[in-house]
Amino acid sequence: MGKALLIAAGLIVVFILCFFPIRKLDNFLDESRRSAEKESEKKEPACVMLADDMSEQDIIKEIRRFKDQHGEIGILIFDPSDTQLSEAIDKQINDKTQK
């Protein structure tokens, strides 16, 4: 009887002593997972190309989606027939996607 009580008391002590560090470890791992998810969300493309054949509703929808993902946005509208500007923009986009 004495041994069983001693074993039961020992198990209770071990449980109590292990519960709190394991709970802290669980919280740490959960926070780490959340941080990793936020970081992966930030890896979304930093630009979006809106084609001229898109409807106004689709353009607005895409702008809102992009704003929701990135917060602050800037919009550049240009004439693609200006080849020098188009080439500069394409080069900038290609440089960013290759990094």
N, C-alpha and C. Protein backbone atom coordinates (compact mmCIF):
# COMPACT_ATOMS: atom_id res chain seq x y z
N MET A 1 0.82 -1.18 0.00
CA MET A 1 0.00 0.00 0.00
C MET A 1 0.86 1.25 0.00
N GLY A 2 1.91 1.27 0.78
CA GLY A 2 2.81 2.42 0.90
C GLY A 2 3.53 2.71 -0.42
N LYS A 3 3.94 1.61 -1.12
CA LYS A 3 4.63 1.79 -2.40
C LYS A 3 3.69 2.38 -3.44
N ALA A 4 2.46 1.89 -3.46
CA ALA A 4 1.49 2.38 -4.45
C ALA A 4 1.20 3.86 -4.22
N LEU A 5 1.09 4.24 -2.96
CA LEU A 5 0.83 5.65 -2.63
C LEU A 5 2.03 6.51 -3.02
N LEU A 6 3.22 6.01 -2.78
CA LEU A 6 4.44 6.73 -3.14
C LEU A 6 4.55 6.88 -4.66
N ILE A 7 4.23 5.83 -5.39
CA ILE A 7 4.26 5.89 -6.85
C ILE A 7 3.21 6.87 -7.36
N ALA A 8 2.01 6.83 -6.82
CA ALA A 8 0.94 7.75 -7.23
C ALA A 8 1.34 9.19 -6.95
N ALA A 9 1.91 9.43 -5.77
CA ALA A 9 2.34 10.79 -5.42
C ALA A 9 3.47 11.24 -6.36
N GLY A 10 4.37 10.34 -6.68
CA GLY A 10 5.47 10.66 -7.60
C GLY A 10 4.95 11.00 -8.99
N LEU A 11 3.96 10.25 -9.47
CA LEU A 11 3.37 10.53 -10.78
C LEU A 11 2.66 11.88 -10.79
N ILE A 12 1.98 12.20 -9.72
CA ILE A 12 1.29 13.50 -9.63
C ILE A 12 2.32 14.64 -9.65
N VAL A 13 3.40 14.48 -8.92
CA VAL A 13 4.45 15.51 -8.90
C VAL A 13 5.07 15.67 -10.28
N VAL A 14 5.38 14.56 -10.92
CA VAL A 14 5.96 14.61 -12.27
C VAL A 14 4.98 15.28 -13.23
N PHE A 15 3.72 14.94 -13.14
CA PHE A 15 2.71 15.55 -14.01
C PHE A 15 2.66 17.06 -13.80
N ILE A 16 2.62 17.49 -12.56
CA ILE A 16 2.54 18.91 -12.24
C ILE A 16 3.80 19.64 -12.72
N LEU A 17 4.96 19.05 -12.48
CA LEU A 17 6.21 19.69 -12.88
C LEU A 17 6.39 19.73 -14.40
N CYS A 18 5.82 18.80 -15.11
CA CYS A 18 5.95 18.76 -16.57
C CYS A 18 4.85 19.55 -17.28
N PHE A 19 3.71 19.71 -16.66
CA PHE A 19 2.58 20.35 -17.31
C PHE A 19 2.88 21.79 -17.72
N PHE A 20 3.43 22.58 -16.81
CA PHE A 20 3.65 24.00 -17.09
C PHE A 20 4.73 24.23 -18.16
N PRO A 21 5.87 23.55 -18.10
CA PRO A 21 6.85 23.75 -19.19
C PRO A 21 6.31 23.29 -20.56
N ILE A 22 5.55 22.21 -20.55
CA ILE A 22 4.99 21.72 -21.82
C ILE A 22 3.97 22.73 -22.34
N ARG A 23 3.20 23.33 -21.47
CA ARG A 23 2.22 24.34 -21.89
C ARG A 23 2.94 25.56 -22.47
N LYS A 24 4.04 25.98 -21.83
CA LYS A 24 4.82 27.10 -22.34
C LYS A 24 5.43 26.74 -23.70
N LEU A 25 5.90 25.54 -23.84
CA LEU A 25 6.45 25.09 -25.12
C LEU A 25 5.38 25.10 -26.21
N ASP A 26 4.18 24.65 -25.86
CA ASP A 26 3.06 24.66 -26.81
C ASP A 26 2.73 26.09 -27.24
N ASN A 27 2.69 27.02 -26.30
CA ASN A 27 2.43 28.42 -26.63
C ASN A 27 3.52 28.99 -27.53
N PHE A 28 4.77 28.66 -27.21
CA PHE A 28 5.88 29.13 -28.03
C PHE A 28 5.78 28.59 -29.46
N LEU A 29 5.51 27.31 -29.59
CA LEU A 29 5.40 26.70 -30.93
C LEU A 29 4.21 27.27 -31.70
N ASP A 30 3.12 27.55 -31.02
CA ASP A 30 1.95 28.14 -31.66
C ASP A 30 2.28 29.54 -32.17
N GLU A 31 2.94 30.33 -31.36
CA GLU A 31 3.34 31.69 -31.77
C GLU A 31 4.33 31.62 -32.94
N SER A 32 5.23 30.68 -32.89
CA SER A 32 6.19 30.51 -33.98
C SER A 32 5.48 30.14 -35.29
N ARG A 33 4.48 29.29 -35.20
CA ARG A 33 3.71 28.91 -36.39
C ARG A 33 2.98 30.11 -36.97
N ARG A 34 2.37 30.91 -36.08
CA ARG A 34 1.67 32.11 -36.54
C ARG A 34 2.62 33.08 -37.23
N SER A 35 3.79 33.24 -36.64
CA SER A 35 4.80 34.13 -37.22
C SER A 35 5.23 33.62 -38.60
N ALA A 36 5.41 32.32 -38.73
CA ALA A 36 5.80 31.74 -40.02
C ALA A 36 4.69 31.92 -41.05
N GLU A 37 3.43 31.79 -40.63
CA GLU A 37 2.32 32.01 -41.56
C GLU A 37 2.27 33.44 -42.03
N LYS A 38 2.49 34.40 -41.12
CA LYS A 38 2.51 35.81 -41.50
C LYS A 38 3.64 36.08 -42.48
N GLU A 39 4.79 35.48 -42.23
CA GLU A 39 5.94 35.67 -43.11
C GLU A 39 5.66 35.11 -44.50
N SER A 40 5.00 33.96 -44.55
CA SER A 40 4.69 33.38 -45.87
C SER A 40 3.64 34.21 -46.60
N GLU A 41 2.75 34.87 -45.86
CA GLU A 41 1.78 35.75 -46.49
C GLU A 41 2.47 36.96 -47.11
N LYS A 42 3.52 37.43 -46.47
CA LYS A 42 4.25 38.57 -46.99
C LYS A 42 4.99 38.23 -48.28
N LYS A 43 5.20 36.96 -48.54
CA LYS A 43 5.91 36.57 -49.74
C LYS A 43 5.02 36.56 -50.98
N GLU A 44 3.80 37.03 -50.81
CA GLU A 44 2.93 37.21 -51.97
C GLU A 44 3.60 38.19 -52.91
N PRO A 45 3.32 38.09 -54.20
CA PRO A 45 3.92 39.03 -55.14
C PRO A 45 3.62 40.47 -54.72
N ALA A 46 4.62 41.35 -54.86
CA ALA A 46 4.46 42.73 -54.45
C ALA A 46 3.87 43.59 -55.56
N CYS A 47 3.49 42.97 -56.65
CA CYS A 47 2.86 43.73 -57.73
C CYS A 47 1.81 42.83 -58.39
N VAL A 48 0.91 43.47 -59.08
CA VAL A 48 -0.13 42.73 -59.80
C VAL A 48 -0.33 43.44 -61.14
N MET A 49 -0.49 42.67 -62.18
CA MET A 49 -0.70 43.22 -63.52
C MET A 49 -2.19 43.12 -63.84
N LEU A 50 -2.79 44.25 -64.15
CA LEU A 50 -4.20 44.29 -64.51
C LEU A 50 -4.29 44.49 -66.01
N ALA A 51 -4.78 43.49 -66.71
CA ALA A 51 -4.86 43.55 -68.17
C ALA A 51 -5.97 44.49 -68.60
N ASP A 52 -5.81 45.05 -69.80
CA ASP A 52 -6.81 46.02 -70.29
C ASP A 52 -8.12 45.36 -70.69
N ASP A 53 -8.14 44.04 -70.79
CA ASP A 53 -9.39 43.36 -71.15
C ASP A 53 -10.22 42.95 -69.93
N MET A 54 -9.75 43.34 -68.73
CA MET A 54 -10.51 43.02 -67.51
C MET A 54 -11.67 44.00 -67.36
N SER A 55 -12.76 43.51 -66.79
CA SER A 55 -13.90 44.41 -66.53
C SER A 55 -13.56 45.30 -65.34
N GLU A 56 -14.28 46.40 -65.21
CA GLU A 56 -14.05 47.31 -64.10
C GLU A 56 -14.26 46.62 -62.76
N GLN A 57 -15.27 45.75 -62.69
CA GLN A 57 -15.54 45.02 -61.45
C GLN A 57 -14.36 44.10 -61.10
N ASP A 58 -13.79 43.44 -62.11
CA ASP A 58 -12.65 42.55 -61.86
C ASP A 58 -11.43 43.34 -61.41
N ILE A 59 -11.24 44.51 -61.99
CA ILE A 59 -10.11 45.35 -61.61
C ILE A 59 -10.27 45.81 -60.16
N ILE A 60 -11.44 46.28 -59.81
CA ILE A 60 -11.70 46.74 -58.44
C ILE A 60 -11.54 45.58 -57.45
N LYS A 61 -12.04 44.41 -57.83
CA LYS A 61 -11.94 43.22 -56.98
C LYS A 61 -10.47 42.86 -56.74
N GLU A 62 -9.66 42.91 -57.80
CA GLU A 62 -8.24 42.58 -57.69
C GLU A 62 -7.49 43.61 -56.84
N ILE A 63 -7.84 44.89 -57.01
CA ILE A 63 -7.21 45.94 -56.21
C ILE A 63 -7.55 45.74 -54.73
N ARG A 64 -8.79 45.44 -54.42
CA ARG A 64 -9.20 45.22 -53.02
C ARG A 64 -8.50 44.01 -52.42
N ARG A 65 -8.39 42.93 -53.20
CA ARG A 65 -7.71 41.72 -52.72
C ARG A 65 -6.24 42.03 -52.42
N PHE A 66 -5.61 42.76 -53.33
CA PHE A 66 -4.20 43.12 -53.14
C PHE A 66 -4.03 44.01 -51.92
N LYS A 67 -4.92 44.98 -51.74
CA LYS A 67 -4.86 45.89 -50.60
C LYS A 67 -5.06 45.12 -49.29
N ASP A 68 -5.96 44.15 -49.28
CA ASP A 68 -6.19 43.35 -48.08
C ASP A 68 -4.93 42.57 -47.70
N GLN A 69 -4.19 42.10 -48.68
CA GLN A 69 -3.00 41.30 -48.42
C GLN A 69 -1.80 42.15 -48.03
N HIS A 70 -1.71 43.36 -48.59
CA HIS A 70 -0.49 44.15 -48.42
C HIS A 70 -0.68 45.44 -47.62
N GLY A 71 -1.89 45.82 -47.33
CA GLY A 71 -2.10 47.06 -46.57
C GLY A 71 -2.05 48.28 -47.47
N GLU A 72 -0.90 48.92 -47.49
CA GLU A 72 -0.75 50.11 -48.31
C GLU A 72 -0.42 49.71 -49.75
N ILE A 73 -0.98 50.47 -50.69
CA ILE A 73 -0.71 50.17 -52.10
C ILE A 73 -0.46 51.47 -52.85
N GLY A 74 0.18 51.35 -53.98
CA GLY A 74 0.37 52.45 -54.92
C GLY A 74 -0.05 51.94 -56.29
N ILE A 75 -0.64 52.80 -57.07
CA ILE A 75 -1.14 52.38 -58.37
C ILE A 75 -0.43 53.19 -59.45
N LEU A 76 0.08 52.50 -60.46
CA LEU A 76 0.74 53.12 -61.60
C LEU A 76 -0.05 52.72 -62.83
N ILE A 77 -0.52 53.71 -63.55
CA ILE A 77 -1.24 53.46 -64.80
C ILE A 77 -0.39 54.05 -65.91
N PHE A 78 -0.13 53.27 -66.94
CA PHE A 78 0.72 53.75 -68.02
C PHE A 78 0.22 53.26 -69.37
N ASP A 79 0.73 53.89 -70.39
CA ASP A 79 0.40 53.54 -71.78
C ASP A 79 1.41 52.51 -72.26
N PRO A 80 0.99 51.26 -72.52
CA PRO A 80 1.94 50.23 -72.92
C PRO A 80 2.58 50.48 -74.28
N SER A 81 2.05 51.43 -75.05
CA SER A 81 2.67 51.73 -76.35
C SER A 81 3.97 52.51 -76.15
N ASP A 82 4.20 53.06 -74.96
CA ASP A 82 5.48 53.70 -74.64
C ASP A 82 6.46 52.59 -74.32
N THR A 83 7.18 52.13 -75.32
CA THR A 83 8.02 50.94 -75.18
C THR A 83 9.14 51.13 -74.17
N GLN A 84 9.68 52.32 -74.08
CA GLN A 84 10.76 52.55 -73.13
C GLN A 84 10.26 52.35 -71.70
N LEU A 85 9.10 52.90 -71.39
CA LEU A 85 8.52 52.74 -70.06
C LEU A 85 8.13 51.28 -69.82
N SER A 86 7.51 50.66 -70.83
CA SER A 86 7.10 49.26 -70.69
C SER A 86 8.30 48.36 -70.43
N GLU A 87 9.38 48.58 -71.15
CA GLU A 87 10.58 47.76 -70.96
C GLU A 87 11.18 47.98 -69.58
N ALA A 88 11.17 49.23 -69.10
CA ALA A 88 11.71 49.53 -67.77
C ALA A 88 10.87 48.84 -66.69
N ILE A 89 9.56 48.86 -66.85
CA ILE A 89 8.68 48.20 -65.88
C ILE A 89 8.87 46.69 -65.92
N ASP A 90 8.93 46.11 -67.11
CA ASP A 90 9.17 44.67 -67.25
C ASP A 90 10.49 44.27 -66.61
N LYS A 91 11.54 45.07 -66.83
CA LYS A 91 12.85 44.77 -66.25
C LYS A 91 12.77 44.81 -64.73
N GLN A 92 12.10 45.82 -64.19
CA GLN A 92 11.95 45.95 -62.74
C GLN A 92 11.21 44.75 -62.16
N ILE A 93 10.13 44.34 -62.82
CA ILE A 93 9.35 43.19 -62.35
C ILE A 93 10.19 41.93 -62.42
N ASN A 94 10.91 41.71 -63.51
CA ASN A 94 11.74 40.52 -63.66
C ASN A 94 12.86 40.49 -62.64
N ASP A 95 13.46 41.64 -62.35
CA ASP A 95 14.51 41.70 -61.35
C ASP A 95 13.99 41.31 -59.97
N LYS A 96 12.80 41.77 -59.62
CA LYS A 96 12.21 41.46 -58.30
C LYS A 96 11.80 40.00 -58.20
N THR A 97 11.31 39.42 -59.29
CA THR A 97 10.86 38.02 -59.23
C THR A 97 12.03 37.06 -59.21
N GLN A 98 13.19 37.47 -59.68
CA GLN A 98 14.36 36.59 -59.70
C GLN A 98 15.08 36.56 -58.36
N LYS A 99 14.79 37.51 -57.47
CA LYS A 99 15.47 37.56 -56.16
C LYS A 99 14.92 36.53 -55.22
